[in-house]
């Protein structure tokens, strides 16, 4: 009887250890509080990237503040690794005061803002963007 009881207890412990593990809780995104401003000159058919570091999971917002002379250009958010910006989301935008691209960083790390010609530039343009992140 003792051997049977020990076998049942052992089997119970073994099967309970094989259950599905509970995944860790996802981090709660925080509101973005860090503002960075990037300026540059975008050439015809050009693409510029501006790296920034997110300290904790949270929102990212990019605003095209100015383009001179005025033109529609592309702006995007991506991840940055070894100096290469891999754009995750982008839009065609004209300068203004409202956020044109937004997203949520689910992890802390290296990100980038990309500014690029969408095919309509006939001369270089000066631009300014702001990036709001956590």
C-alpha atoms as a PDB file:
ATOM      1  CA  UNK A   1       0.000   0.000   0.000  1.00  0.00           C
ATOM      2  CA  UNK A   2       2.857   2.412   0.804  1.00  0.00           C
ATOM      3  CA  UNK A   3       4.412   1.748  -2.592  1.00  0.00           C
ATOM      4  CA  UNK A   4       1.089   2.475  -4.301  1.00  0.00           C
ATOM      5  CA  UNK A   5       0.651   5.716  -2.323  1.00  0.00           C
ATOM      6  CA  UNK A   6       4.220   6.796  -3.159  1.00  0.00           C
ATOM      7  CA  UNK A   7       3.626   6.023  -6.850  1.00  0.00           C
ATOM      8  CA  UNK A   8       0.411   8.091  -6.918  1.00  0.00           C
ATOM      9  CA  UNK A   9       2.122  11.035  -5.186  1.00  0.00           C
ATOM     10  CA  UNK A  10       5.110  10.801  -7.554  1.00  0.00           C
ATOM     11  CA  UNK A  11       2.860  10.669 -10.614  1.00  0.00           C
ATOM     12  CA  UNK A  12       0.844  13.625  -9.330  1.00  0.00           C
ATOM     13  CA  UNK A  13       3.975  15.702  -8.812  1.00  0.00           C
ATOM     14  CA  UNK A  14       5.327  14.716 -12.212  1.00  0.00           C
ATOM     15  CA  UNK A  15       2.155  15.634 -14.109  1.00  0.00           C
ATOM     16  CA  UNK A  16       1.676  18.915 -12.252  1.00  0.00           C
ATOM     17  CA  UNK A  17       5.235  19.929 -13.177  1.00  0.00           C
ATOM     18  CA  UNK A  18       4.456  19.357 -16.868  1.00  0.00           C
ATOM     19  CA  UNK A  19       1.507  21.781 -17.029  1.00  0.00           C
ATOM     20  CA  UNK A  20       1.609  24.881 -19.199  1.00  0.00           C
ATOM     21  CA  UNK A  21       3.742  27.577 -17.581  1.00  0.00           C
ATOM     22  CA  UNK A  22       2.157  30.920 -16.853  1.00  0.00           C
ATOM     23  CA  UNK A  23       3.651  33.577 -19.160  1.00  0.00           C
ATOM     24  CA  UNK A  24       5.148  36.632 -17.489  1.00  0.00           C
ATOM     25  CA  UNK A  25       2.982  39.717 -17.369  1.00  0.00           C
ATOM     26  CA  UNK A  26       3.478  42.183 -20.217  1.00  0.00           C
ATOM     27  CA  UNK A  27       4.980  45.508 -19.181  1.00  0.00           C
ATOM     28  CA  UNK A  28       2.480  48.317 -18.819  1.00  0.00           C
ATOM     29  CA  UNK A  29       3.321  51.003 -21.404  1.00  0.00           C
ATOM     30  CA  UNK A  30       4.062  54.424 -19.921  1.00  0.00           C
ATOM     31  CA  UNK A  31       3.202  57.797 -21.380  1.00  0.00           C
ATOM     32  CA  UNK A  32       6.013  59.292 -23.481  1.00  0.00           C
ATOM     33  CA  UNK A  33       7.854  62.114 -21.674  1.00  0.00           C
ATOM     34  CA  UNK A  34      11.178  62.530 -23.515  1.00  0.00           C
ATOM     35  CA  UNK A  35      11.230  64.922 -26.483  1.00  0.00           C
ATOM     36  CA  UNK A  36      14.064  64.890 -28.996  1.00  0.00           C
ATOM     37  CA  UNK A  37      14.352  67.207 -31.995  1.00  0.00           C
ATOM     38  CA  UNK A  38      16.211  66.187 -35.138  1.00  0.00           C
ATOM     39  CA  UNK A  39      17.097  68.483 -38.029  1.00  0.00           C
ATOM     40  CA  UNK A  40      18.595  67.632 -41.377  1.00  0.00           C
ATOM     41  CA  UNK A  41      18.676  68.060 -45.107  1.00  0.00           C
ATOM     42  CA  UNK A  42      16.875  65.521 -47.237  1.00  0.00           C
ATOM     43  CA  UNK A  43      18.253  65.099 -50.746  1.00  0.00           C
ATOM     44  CA  UNK A  44      16.366  63.996 -53.838  1.00  0.00           C
ATOM     45  CA  UNK A  45      15.759  60.226 -53.472  1.00  0.00           C
ATOM     46  CA  UNK A  46      17.388  60.471 -50.031  1.00  0.00           C
ATOM     47  CA  UNK A  47      16.720  58.700 -46.764  1.00  0.00           C
ATOM     48  CA  UNK A  48      17.936  59.940 -43.364  1.00  0.00           C
ATOM     49  CA  UNK A  49      17.588  58.166 -40.041  1.00  0.00           C
ATOM     50  CA  UNK A  50      17.846  59.507 -36.518  1.00  0.00           C
ATOM     51  CA  UNK A  51      18.495  56.976 -33.724  1.00  0.00           C
ATOM     52  CA  UNK A  52      17.060  57.342 -30.222  1.00  0.00           C
ATOM     53  CA  UNK A  53      16.885  55.097 -27.177  1.00  0.00           C
ATOM     54  CA  UNK A  54      13.657  54.128 -25.469  1.00  0.00           C
ATOM     55  CA  UNK A  55      14.170  53.643 -21.727  1.00  0.00           C
ATOM     56  CA  UNK A  56      10.975  51.690 -21.047  1.00  0.00           C
ATOM     57  CA  UNK A  57       7.935  50.333 -22.855  1.00  0.00           C
ATOM     58  CA  UNK A  58       5.663  53.158 -23.935  1.00  0.00           C
ATOM     59  CA  UNK A  59       4.390  55.391 -26.675  1.00  0.00           C
ATOM     60  CA  UNK A  60       6.412  56.856 -29.535  1.00  0.00           C
ATOM     61  CA  UNK A  61       5.136  59.856 -31.497  1.00  0.00           C
ATOM     62  CA  UNK A  62       6.818  61.555 -34.466  1.00  0.00           C
ATOM     63  CA  UNK A  63       5.854  64.981 -35.764  1.00  0.00           C
ATOM     64  CA  UNK A  64       7.206  66.627 -38.916  1.00  0.00           C
ATOM     65  CA  UNK A  65       7.581  70.200 -37.669  1.00  0.00           C
ATOM     66  CA  UNK A  66       8.935  71.887 -40.790  1.00  0.00           C
ATOM     67  CA  UNK A  67      10.063  71.310 -44.383  1.00  0.00           C
ATOM     68  CA  UNK A  68      11.724  74.101 -46.355  1.00  0.00           C
ATOM     69  CA  UNK A  69      10.911  74.534 -49.166  1.00  0.00           C
ATOM     70  CA  UNK A  70       7.511  72.992 -48.463  1.00  0.00           C
ATOM     71  CA  UNK A  71       6.968  69.442 -49.729  1.00  0.00           C
ATOM     72  CA  UNK A  72       5.381  66.161 -48.733  1.00  0.00           C
ATOM     73  CA  UNK A  73       7.960  63.656 -47.499  1.00  0.00           C
ATOM     74  CA  UNK A  74       7.903  60.289 -45.784  1.00  0.00           C
ATOM     75  CA  UNK A  75       8.456  59.823 -42.053  1.00  0.00           C
ATOM     76  CA  UNK A  76       8.558  56.589 -40.116  1.00  0.00           C
ATOM     77  CA  UNK A  77       9.468  54.753 -36.929  1.00  0.00           C
ATOM     78  CA  UNK A  78      11.670  51.698 -36.822  1.00  0.00           C
ATOM     79  CA  UNK A  79      14.284  49.735 -34.953  1.00  0.00           C
ATOM     80  CA  UNK A  80      17.950  50.563 -35.117  1.00  0.00           C
ATOM     81  CA  UNK A  81      20.758  48.013 -35.181  1.00  0.00           C
ATOM     82  CA  UNK A  82      24.357  48.465 -36.341  1.00  0.00           C
ATOM     83  CA  UNK A  83      23.534  51.867 -37.820  1.00  0.00           C
ATOM     84  CA  UNK A  84      20.689  50.526 -39.962  1.00  0.00           C
ATOM     85  CA  UNK A  85      17.137  51.788 -39.466  1.00  0.00           C
ATOM     86  CA  UNK A  86      14.525  49.155 -40.276  1.00  0.00           C
ATOM     87  CA  UNK A  87      11.251  51.059 -40.657  1.00  0.00           C
ATOM     88  CA  UNK A  88       8.206  49.387 -39.100  1.00  0.00           C
ATOM     89  CA  UNK A  89       5.559  51.990 -39.891  1.00  0.00           C
ATOM     90  CA  UNK A  90       5.581  55.133 -42.040  1.00  0.00           C
ATOM     91  CA  UNK A  91       3.360  57.770 -43.629  1.00  0.00           C
ATOM     92  CA  UNK A  92       3.584  60.509 -46.218  1.00  0.00           C
ATOM     93  CA  UNK A  93       3.373  63.826 -44.397  1.00  0.00           C
ATOM     94  CA  UNK A  94       3.503  67.583 -44.691  1.00  0.00           C
ATOM     95  CA  UNK A  95       4.729  69.743 -41.851  1.00  0.00           C
ATOM     96  CA  UNK A  96       2.322  70.595 -39.075  1.00  0.00           C
ATOM     97  CA  UNK A  97       1.745  70.563 -35.347  1.00  0.00           C
ATOM     98  CA  UNK A  98      -0.109  67.264 -35.079  1.00  0.00           C
ATOM     99  CA  UNK A  99       1.515  63.858 -34.616  1.00  0.00           C
ATOM    100  CA  UNK A 100       1.797  62.046 -37.945  1.00  0.00           C
ATOM    101  CA  UNK A 101       3.252  58.690 -36.844  1.00  0.00           C
ATOM    102  CA  UNK A 102       2.680  56.939 -33.537  1.00  0.00           C
ATOM    103  CA  UNK A 103       3.220  53.532 -32.058  1.00  0.00           C
ATOM    104  CA  UNK A 104       4.117  51.680 -28.887  1.00  0.00           C
ATOM    105  CA  UNK A 105       7.548  50.360 -28.001  1.00  0.00           C
ATOM    106  CA  UNK A 106       6.912  47.067 -26.214  1.00  0.00           C
ATOM    107  CA  UNK A 107      10.523  46.870 -25.034  1.00  0.00           C
ATOM    108  CA  UNK A 108      13.285  49.292 -24.155  1.00  0.00           C
ATOM    109  CA  UNK A 109      16.008  49.602 -26.755  1.00  0.00           C
ATOM    110  CA  UNK A 110      17.316  51.252 -29.907  1.00  0.00           C
ATOM    111  CA  UNK A 111      14.756  52.797 -32.225  1.00  0.00           C
ATOM    112  CA  UNK A 112      14.945  55.311 -35.069  1.00  0.00           C
ATOM    113  CA  UNK A 113      12.962  57.936 -36.893  1.00  0.00           C
ATOM    114  CA  UNK A 114      13.284  57.862 -40.673  1.00  0.00           C
ATOM    115  CA  UNK A 115      12.807  60.768 -43.086  1.00  0.00           C
ATOM    116  CA  UNK A 116      12.714  59.957 -46.799  1.00  0.00           C
ATOM    117  CA  UNK A 117      11.844  61.271 -50.243  1.00  0.00           C
ATOM    118  CA  UNK A 118       8.582  59.769 -51.503  1.00  0.00           C
ATOM    119  CA  UNK A 119       9.557  60.566 -55.087  1.00  0.00           C
ATOM    120  CA  UNK A 120       8.432  64.143 -55.464  1.00  0.00           C
ATOM    121  CA  UNK A 121      11.475  66.190 -54.395  1.00  0.00           C
ATOM    122  CA  UNK A 122      13.140  68.240 -57.120  1.00  0.00           C
ATOM    123  CA  UNK A 123      15.694  69.834 -54.786  1.00  0.00           C
ATOM    124  CA  UNK A 124      17.066  69.192 -51.281  1.00  0.00           C
ATOM    125  CA  UNK A 125      14.833  70.286 -48.383  1.00  0.00           C
ATOM    126  CA  UNK A 126      15.656  71.212 -44.796  1.00  0.00           C
ATOM    127  CA  UNK A 127      13.434  69.537 -42.206  1.00  0.00           C
ATOM    128  CA  UNK A 128      12.837  69.314 -38.491  1.00  0.00           C
ATOM    129  CA  UNK A 129      11.075  66.485 -36.642  1.00  0.00           C
ATOM    130  CA  UNK A 130      10.301  65.859 -32.999  1.00  0.00           C
ATOM    131  CA  UNK A 131      10.193  62.424 -31.431  1.00  0.00           C
ATOM    132  CA  UNK A 132       8.323  61.942 -28.174  1.00  0.00           C
ATOM    133  CA  UNK A 133       9.124  58.680 -26.365  1.00  0.00           C
ATOM    134  CA  UNK A 134       9.553  57.095 -22.946  1.00  0.00           C
END
